[in-house]
Structure formats: C-alpha cells, structure tokens
C-alpha cells in the first residue's frame, strides 16, 4: 500500500499507529451491535476493555514510532519550501 500512496515504510507505520485508537466510534458500533443482537452481552465487556487498552497504548506507540523526522512527516517553514531535491512542496 505504501508504494501506492507514495509514503515510505517509516511514514506508513506512523500513519498506521495514528489510526489504532478510534475508541468513541468503536464503543458506539459495539453498543449498537449489542442492541441489534449482533454482539452478545457476554462479549461487550471484552470489546470495551480492548477499546480502553488501545486508547491508552496508542499515545505511547506514537511517541516511539514518530521519533524520526522525514520530509514526508515534517512541515517546512515557508522560506524552505521547494528547497529539497526530489520533493515538490507547495
């Protein structure tokens, strides 16, 4: 997928880490699924626990996973835009 989007491995991993925790959406979907009978009431606490765990772990993973700065994850000041060879900054 990274070749399709043009991001390198490091930047693709950083984007993926940022997408891990979507707790509020997962809780809403799980609750609606339980109300519709698609998720058993026995499984609901496990889903809530996983939402809480991923919500708490994501910032730690992001801190570790986004230490390195690359041209794709760094916003350049206006005076430097367009100055890196091989990159088209607007």
C-alpha atoms as a PDB file:
ATOM      1  CA  UNK A   1       0.000   0.000   0.000  1.00  0.00           C
ATOM      2  CA  UNK A   2       2.872   2.385   0.737  1.00  0.00           C
ATOM      3  CA  UNK A   3       4.021   2.273  -2.884  1.00  0.00           C
ATOM      4  CA  UNK A   4       0.520   3.217  -3.999  1.00  0.00           C
ATOM      5  CA  UNK A   5       0.370   6.211  -1.646  1.00  0.00           C
ATOM      6  CA  UNK A   6       3.977   7.296  -2.129  1.00  0.00           C
ATOM      7  CA  UNK A   7       4.902   7.130   1.555  1.00  0.00           C
ATOM      8  CA  UNK A   8       7.951   5.268   2.805  1.00  0.00           C
ATOM      9  CA  UNK A   9       7.860   2.401   5.295  1.00  0.00           C
ATOM     10  CA  UNK A  10       8.507   4.638   8.292  1.00  0.00           C
ATOM     11  CA  UNK A  11       5.802   7.150   7.398  1.00  0.00           C
ATOM     12  CA  UNK A  12       3.315   4.372   6.590  1.00  0.00           C
ATOM     13  CA  UNK A  13       3.934   2.868  10.026  1.00  0.00           C
ATOM     14  CA  UNK A  14       3.431   6.265  11.679  1.00  0.00           C
ATOM     15  CA  UNK A  15       0.119   6.768   9.894  1.00  0.00           C
ATOM     16  CA  UNK A  16      -0.995   3.260  10.875  1.00  0.00           C
ATOM     17  CA  UNK A  17      -0.124   3.879  14.524  1.00  0.00           C
ATOM     18  CA  UNK A  18      -2.189   7.041  14.483  1.00  0.00           C
ATOM     19  CA  UNK A  19      -5.204   5.121  13.234  1.00  0.00           C
ATOM     20  CA  UNK A  20      -5.166   2.476  16.000  1.00  0.00           C
ATOM     21  CA  UNK A  21      -7.288   4.241  18.573  1.00  0.00           C
ATOM     22  CA  UNK A  22     -10.755   5.211  17.481  1.00  0.00           C
ATOM     23  CA  UNK A  23     -12.368   4.459  20.820  1.00  0.00           C
ATOM     24  CA  UNK A  24     -15.531   6.519  20.682  1.00  0.00           C
ATOM     25  CA  UNK A  25     -16.523   5.091  17.304  1.00  0.00           C
ATOM     26  CA  UNK A  26     -15.773   1.524  18.422  1.00  0.00           C
ATOM     27  CA  UNK A  27     -17.896   1.963  21.542  1.00  0.00           C
ATOM     28  CA  UNK A  28     -20.829   3.310  19.545  1.00  0.00           C
ATOM     29  CA  UNK A  29     -20.608   0.497  16.994  1.00  0.00           C
ATOM     30  CA  UNK A  30     -20.263  -2.146  19.724  1.00  0.00           C
ATOM     31  CA  UNK A  31     -23.252  -0.762  21.628  1.00  0.00           C
ATOM     32  CA  UNK A  32     -25.411  -0.619  18.501  1.00  0.00           C
ATOM     33  CA  UNK A  33     -24.301  -4.172  17.650  1.00  0.00           C
ATOM     34  CA  UNK A  34     -25.275  -5.349  21.134  1.00  0.00           C
ATOM     35  CA  UNK A  35     -28.651  -3.621  20.869  1.00  0.00           C
ATOM     36  CA  UNK A  36     -29.276  -5.276  17.487  1.00  0.00           C
ATOM     37  CA  UNK A  37     -28.267  -8.685  18.843  1.00  0.00           C
ATOM     38  CA  UNK A  38     -25.139  -8.898  16.667  1.00  0.00           C
ATOM     39  CA  UNK A  39     -22.765  -8.760  19.645  1.00  0.00           C
ATOM     40  CA  UNK A  40     -23.570 -10.878  22.679  1.00  0.00           C
ATOM     41  CA  UNK A  41     -23.801  -9.162  26.032  1.00  0.00           C
ATOM     42  CA  UNK A  42     -21.062 -11.554  27.175  1.00  0.00           C
ATOM     43  CA  UNK A  43     -18.638 -10.144  24.564  1.00  0.00           C
ATOM     44  CA  UNK A  44     -19.466  -6.479  25.166  1.00  0.00           C
ATOM     45  CA  UNK A  45     -17.193  -6.027  28.248  1.00  0.00           C
ATOM     46  CA  UNK A  46     -14.268  -7.538  26.315  1.00  0.00           C
ATOM     47  CA  UNK A  47     -14.840  -5.065  23.477  1.00  0.00           C
ATOM     48  CA  UNK A  48     -14.965  -2.161  25.937  1.00  0.00           C
ATOM     49  CA  UNK A  49     -11.732  -3.389  27.560  1.00  0.00           C
ATOM     50  CA  UNK A  50      -9.979  -3.550  24.179  1.00  0.00           C
ATOM     51  CA  UNK A  51     -11.155  -0.025  23.350  1.00  0.00           C
ATOM     52  CA  UNK A  52      -9.746   1.236  26.655  1.00  0.00           C
ATOM     53  CA  UNK A  53      -6.430  -0.602  26.211  1.00  0.00           C
ATOM     54  CA  UNK A  54      -5.882   0.618  22.636  1.00  0.00           C
ATOM     55  CA  UNK A  55      -6.832   4.156  23.638  1.00  0.00           C
ATOM     56  CA  UNK A  56      -4.233   4.123  26.421  1.00  0.00           C
ATOM     57  CA  UNK A  57      -1.469   2.396  24.430  1.00  0.00           C
ATOM     58  CA  UNK A  58      -1.723   4.449  21.236  1.00  0.00           C
ATOM     59  CA  UNK A  59      -0.011   7.630  22.544  1.00  0.00           C
ATOM     60  CA  UNK A  60       2.927   5.557  23.810  1.00  0.00           C
ATOM     61  CA  UNK A  61       3.295   3.803  20.458  1.00  0.00           C
ATOM     62  CA  UNK A  62       3.048   7.116  18.617  1.00  0.00           C
ATOM     63  CA  UNK A  63       5.778   8.617  20.783  1.00  0.00           C
ATOM     64  CA  UNK A  64       8.119   5.736  19.955  1.00  0.00           C
ATOM     65  CA  UNK A  65       7.007   5.391  16.354  1.00  0.00           C
ATOM     66  CA  UNK A  66       7.307   9.035  15.360  1.00  0.00           C
ATOM     67  CA  UNK A  67      10.710   9.968  16.747  1.00  0.00           C
ATOM     68  CA  UNK A  68      12.401  10.148  13.377  1.00  0.00           C
ATOM     69  CA  UNK A  69      11.627  13.151  11.184  1.00  0.00           C
ATOM     70  CA  UNK A  70      11.386  12.618   7.444  1.00  0.00           C
ATOM     71  CA  UNK A  71      10.481  15.041   4.643  1.00  0.00           C
ATOM     72  CA  UNK A  72       7.027  13.447   4.484  1.00  0.00           C
ATOM     73  CA  UNK A  73       6.216  13.992   8.176  1.00  0.00           C
ATOM     74  CA  UNK A  74       7.866  17.374   8.662  1.00  0.00           C
ATOM     75  CA  UNK A  75       6.205  20.663   7.806  1.00  0.00           C
ATOM     76  CA  UNK A  76       8.748  23.010   6.336  1.00  0.00           C
ATOM     77  CA  UNK A  77       8.705  26.736   7.040  1.00  0.00           C
ATOM     78  CA  UNK A  78       7.584  28.830   4.037  1.00  0.00           C
ATOM     79  CA  UNK A  79      11.114  30.056   3.271  1.00  0.00           C
ATOM     80  CA  UNK A  80      12.358  26.458   2.859  1.00  0.00           C
ATOM     81  CA  UNK A  81       9.510  25.066   0.784  1.00  0.00           C
ATOM     82  CA  UNK A  82      10.650  23.638  -2.511  1.00  0.00           C
ATOM     83  CA  UNK A  83      14.298  23.533  -1.433  1.00  0.00           C
ATOM     84  CA  UNK A  84      14.691  19.778  -1.018  1.00  0.00           C
ATOM     85  CA  UNK A  85      15.725  17.890  -4.138  1.00  0.00           C
ATOM     86  CA  UNK A  86      13.262  15.269  -5.335  1.00  0.00           C
ATOM     87  CA  UNK A  87      10.344  16.649  -3.328  1.00  0.00           C
ATOM     88  CA  UNK A  88       7.693  19.002  -4.609  1.00  0.00           C
ATOM     89  CA  UNK A  89       6.482  21.127  -1.710  1.00  0.00           C
ATOM     90  CA  UNK A  90       3.785  23.679  -2.234  1.00  0.00           C
END
